[in-house]
Amino acid sequence: MTGSETKGIKTVLHPVSDLEAAKAVYTALLGVEPQHDAPYYVGYEAAGQHIGLVPGATVKEPARDVGFGRLVATVTDPDGNVLGLLQDP
């Protein structure tokens, strides 16, 4: 590639239906406190990645194990977009 090359995704926003509950889970999983903590947004910096939680998703397909401890789920954001989530063990 010439010019600017993609270095990977640096920010991931996750719509969540319960911001306080999600904050507790992500704080435990990431092992760091949020850098931004407001009623409309909770943001984390972890290993060069910014992870933001935003209120307003509904579960479309609950988390399920697809093999070897890998979990997948889908949520629908307030605009009707379906987002897929993946968690490796």
Protein backbone atom coordinates (compact mmCIF):
# COMPACT_ATOMS: atom_id res chain seq x y z
CA MET A 1 0.00 0.00 0.00
CA THR A 2 1.10 3.51 -0.60
CA GLY A 3 0.16 6.53 1.44
CA SER A 4 -1.38 5.94 4.82
CA GLU A 5 -1.78 2.32 5.76
CA THR A 6 -4.43 0.90 8.00
CA LYS A 7 -3.05 0.14 11.43
CA GLY A 8 -6.19 -1.65 12.59
CA ILE A 9 -9.28 -0.49 14.38
CA LYS A 10 -8.38 1.83 17.26
CA THR A 11 -11.87 2.57 18.62
CA VAL A 12 -14.74 0.15 19.08
CA LEU A 13 -18.13 1.37 20.30
CA HIS A 14 -20.50 -1.13 21.85
CA PRO A 15 -24.16 -0.18 22.26
CA VAL A 16 -25.44 -1.66 25.52
CA SER A 17 -28.89 -1.85 27.05
CA ASP A 18 -27.71 -1.29 30.65
CA LEU A 19 -24.71 1.05 30.85
CA GLU A 20 -24.05 0.52 34.58
CA ALA A 21 -24.15 -3.27 34.31
CA ALA A 22 -21.93 -3.24 31.21
CA LYS A 23 -19.46 -0.90 32.95
CA ALA A 24 -19.06 -3.42 35.78
CA VAL A 25 -18.48 -6.28 33.32
CA TYR A 26 -16.01 -4.40 31.10
CA THR A 27 -14.09 -3.02 34.09
CA ALA A 28 -13.66 -6.58 35.38
CA LEU A 29 -12.79 -8.03 31.96
CA LEU A 30 -10.32 -5.30 30.99
CA GLY A 31 -8.82 -4.91 34.45
CA VAL A 32 -8.82 -1.09 34.23
CA GLU A 33 -11.17 1.65 35.38
CA PRO A 34 -12.89 3.70 32.66
CA GLN A 35 -11.13 6.88 31.57
CA HIS A 36 -14.45 8.47 30.64
CA ASP A 37 -17.49 7.82 32.80
CA ALA A 38 -20.71 9.69 32.03
CA PRO A 39 -24.40 8.74 31.84
CA TYR A 40 -24.17 8.80 28.03
CA TYR A 41 -20.72 7.18 27.50
CA VAL A 42 -18.15 5.01 29.28
CA GLY A 43 -14.72 4.71 27.63
CA TYR A 44 -11.70 2.53 28.32
CA GLU A 45 -8.10 2.54 27.08
CA ALA A 46 -6.60 -0.94 27.07
CA ALA A 47 -3.56 -2.19 25.16
CA GLY A 48 -3.72 0.67 22.64
CA GLN A 49 -7.42 0.09 21.97
CA HIS A 50 -10.23 2.46 22.92
CA ILE A 51 -13.44 0.69 23.88
CA GLY A 52 -16.55 2.80 24.35
CA LEU A 53 -19.89 1.76 25.79
CA VAL A 54 -22.96 3.68 24.67
CA PRO A 55 -26.50 3.13 25.96
CA GLY A 56 -29.18 1.77 23.68
CA ALA A 57 -28.81 -1.77 22.40
CA THR A 58 -31.17 -4.68 22.63
CA VAL A 59 -30.04 -8.27 22.51
CA LYS A 60 -30.92 -9.87 19.20
CA GLU A 61 -29.13 -13.17 19.75
CA PRO A 62 -27.78 -13.93 23.25
CA ALA A 63 -24.18 -15.01 23.75
CA ARG A 64 -23.55 -18.64 22.86
CA ASP A 65 -20.45 -20.79 22.77
CA VAL A 66 -19.52 -21.69 19.19
CA GLY A 67 -16.65 -23.95 20.21
CA PHE A 68 -13.55 -23.92 22.37
CA GLY A 69 -14.98 -21.22 24.66
CA ARG A 70 -15.47 -18.64 21.89
CA LEU A 71 -18.66 -16.66 22.48
CA VAL A 72 -20.70 -14.84 19.84
CA ALA A 73 -23.78 -12.66 20.16
CA THR A 74 -25.62 -9.96 18.23
CA VAL A 75 -27.27 -6.75 19.39
CA THR A 76 -29.43 -4.22 17.62
CA ASP A 77 -28.59 -0.54 18.10
CA PRO A 78 -31.21 2.23 18.35
CA ASP A 79 -31.06 2.74 14.56
CA GLY A 80 -31.80 -0.92 13.83
CA ASN A 81 -28.23 -1.86 12.89
CA VAL A 82 -27.25 -5.37 13.93
CA LEU A 83 -23.77 -5.64 15.46
CA GLY A 84 -21.94 -8.91 15.94
CA LEU A 85 -19.80 -9.45 19.02
CA LEU A 86 -17.11 -12.05 19.54
CA GLN A 87 -15.23 -12.95 22.72
CA ASP A 88 -12.31 -15.34 22.71
CA PRO A 89 -11.62 -17.33 25.87
